């Protein structure tokens, strides 16, 4: 089965993340390195939330139907 990979960077402070994305249906809109705008459930980013917020480079992998497969923080 084929997959599509998107790369993007995030820099969301802890305060902003907790205020704006605490609801169950909340989403985060990101712009990929290639300029594509994607919308992700905020819950997918919660494992990467630290005291400074959600910061870093990420790799999102989706299947051929654009369904979530994985999200990982990369160096």
C-alpha atoms as a PDB file:
ATOM      1  CA  UNK A   1       0.000   0.000   0.000  1.00  0.00           C
ATOM      2  CA  UNK A   2       1.396   3.408  -0.974  1.00  0.00           C
ATOM      3  CA  UNK A   3       1.895   6.242   1.479  1.00  0.00           C
ATOM      4  CA  UNK A   4       2.442   9.974   1.209  1.00  0.00           C
ATOM      5  CA  UNK A   5       4.852  11.777   3.513  1.00  0.00           C
ATOM      6  CA  UNK A   6       4.595  15.438   4.507  1.00  0.00           C
ATOM      7  CA  UNK A   7       7.319  17.376   6.340  1.00  0.00           C
ATOM      8  CA  UNK A   8       6.631  20.488   8.404  1.00  0.00           C
ATOM      9  CA  UNK A   9       7.891  22.548  11.323  1.00  0.00           C
ATOM     10  CA  UNK A  10       5.902  23.697  14.354  1.00  0.00           C
ATOM     11  CA  UNK A  11       6.517  26.276  17.040  1.00  0.00           C
ATOM     12  CA  UNK A  12       3.438  26.505  19.275  1.00  0.00           C
ATOM     13  CA  UNK A  13       3.938  27.669  22.848  1.00  0.00           C
ATOM     14  CA  UNK A  14       2.536  25.594  25.703  1.00  0.00           C
ATOM     15  CA  UNK A  15       0.138  28.387  26.630  1.00  0.00           C
ATOM     16  CA  UNK A  16      -1.223  28.775  23.096  1.00  0.00           C
ATOM     17  CA  UNK A  17      -1.557  25.022  22.601  1.00  0.00           C
ATOM     18  CA  UNK A  18      -3.434  24.532  25.879  1.00  0.00           C
ATOM     19  CA  UNK A  19      -5.753  27.505  25.344  1.00  0.00           C
ATOM     20  CA  UNK A  20      -6.652  26.885  21.728  1.00  0.00           C
ATOM     21  CA  UNK A  21      -6.352  23.143  21.216  1.00  0.00           C
ATOM     22  CA  UNK A  22      -7.652  21.605  24.440  1.00  0.00           C
ATOM     23  CA  UNK A  23     -11.053  20.592  23.022  1.00  0.00           C
ATOM     24  CA  UNK A  24     -11.605  17.076  21.696  1.00  0.00           C
ATOM     25  CA  UNK A  25     -12.534  18.279  18.192  1.00  0.00           C
ATOM     26  CA  UNK A  26      -9.843  20.951  17.895  1.00  0.00           C
ATOM     27  CA  UNK A  27      -7.525  20.926  14.922  1.00  0.00           C
ATOM     28  CA  UNK A  28      -4.136  22.382  14.094  1.00  0.00           C
ATOM     29  CA  UNK A  29      -3.471  23.784  10.628  1.00  0.00           C
ATOM     30  CA  UNK A  30       0.099  23.389   9.376  1.00  0.00           C
ATOM     31  CA  UNK A  31       1.894  24.388   6.204  1.00  0.00           C
ATOM     32  CA  UNK A  32       4.196  21.719   4.770  1.00  0.00           C
ATOM     33  CA  UNK A  33       7.665  22.416   3.429  1.00  0.00           C
ATOM     34  CA  UNK A  34       6.159  22.329  -0.080  1.00  0.00           C
ATOM     35  CA  UNK A  35       3.493  24.919   0.791  1.00  0.00           C
ATOM     36  CA  UNK A  36       0.533  22.566   1.176  1.00  0.00           C
ATOM     37  CA  UNK A  37      -1.881  23.369   4.025  1.00  0.00           C
ATOM     38  CA  UNK A  38      -2.918  20.400   6.172  1.00  0.00           C
ATOM     39  CA  UNK A  39      -5.339  20.110   9.069  1.00  0.00           C
ATOM     40  CA  UNK A  40      -4.540  17.673  11.887  1.00  0.00           C
ATOM     41  CA  UNK A  41      -6.422  16.772  15.037  1.00  0.00           C
ATOM     42  CA  UNK A  42      -4.641  18.487  17.942  1.00  0.00           C
ATOM     43  CA  UNK A  43      -4.738  15.182  19.799  1.00  0.00           C
ATOM     44  CA  UNK A  44      -2.092  13.834  17.370  1.00  0.00           C
ATOM     45  CA  UNK A  45       0.336  16.490  18.640  1.00  0.00           C
ATOM     46  CA  UNK A  46      -0.263  16.017  22.367  1.00  0.00           C
ATOM     47  CA  UNK A  47       2.454  13.331  22.715  1.00  0.00           C
ATOM     48  CA  UNK A  48       4.960  15.979  21.593  1.00  0.00           C
ATOM     49  CA  UNK A  49       3.773  18.675  24.007  1.00  0.00           C
ATOM     50  CA  UNK A  50       6.471  19.711  26.491  1.00  0.00           C
ATOM     51  CA  UNK A  51       6.890  22.577  28.946  1.00  0.00           C
ATOM     52  CA  UNK A  52       7.914  24.825  26.047  1.00  0.00           C
ATOM     53  CA  UNK A  53       5.057  23.710  23.788  1.00  0.00           C
ATOM     54  CA  UNK A  54       5.097  21.793  20.522  1.00  0.00           C
ATOM     55  CA  UNK A  55       8.287  22.685  18.688  1.00  0.00           C
ATOM     56  CA  UNK A  56      10.343  20.961  16.043  1.00  0.00           C
ATOM     57  CA  UNK A  57      10.262  19.158  12.725  1.00  0.00           C
ATOM     58  CA  UNK A  58       7.645  16.524  12.019  1.00  0.00           C
ATOM     59  CA  UNK A  59       6.952  13.830   9.449  1.00  0.00           C
ATOM     60  CA  UNK A  60       3.303  12.977   8.782  1.00  0.00           C
ATOM     61  CA  UNK A  61       2.539   9.812   6.836  1.00  0.00           C
ATOM     62  CA  UNK A  62      -0.916   9.181   5.339  1.00  0.00           C
ATOM     63  CA  UNK A  63      -2.298   6.331   3.254  1.00  0.00           C
ATOM     64  CA  UNK A  64      -3.659   6.565  -0.303  1.00  0.00           C
ATOM     65  CA  UNK A  65      -6.999   7.789   1.110  1.00  0.00           C
ATOM     66  CA  UNK A  66      -5.228  10.543   3.086  1.00  0.00           C
ATOM     67  CA  UNK A  67      -5.947   8.749   6.351  1.00  0.00           C
ATOM     68  CA  UNK A  68      -3.494   9.138   9.187  1.00  0.00           C
ATOM     69  CA  UNK A  69      -0.820   6.468   9.457  1.00  0.00           C
ATOM     70  CA  UNK A  70       1.863   8.046  11.652  1.00  0.00           C
ATOM     71  CA  UNK A  71       3.337  11.258  12.984  1.00  0.00           C
ATOM     72  CA  UNK A  72       6.882  11.426  14.233  1.00  0.00           C
ATOM     73  CA  UNK A  73       9.177  14.154  15.394  1.00  0.00           C
ATOM     74  CA  UNK A  74      12.403  14.248  13.396  1.00  0.00           C
ATOM     75  CA  UNK A  75      15.725  15.987  13.950  1.00  0.00           C
END
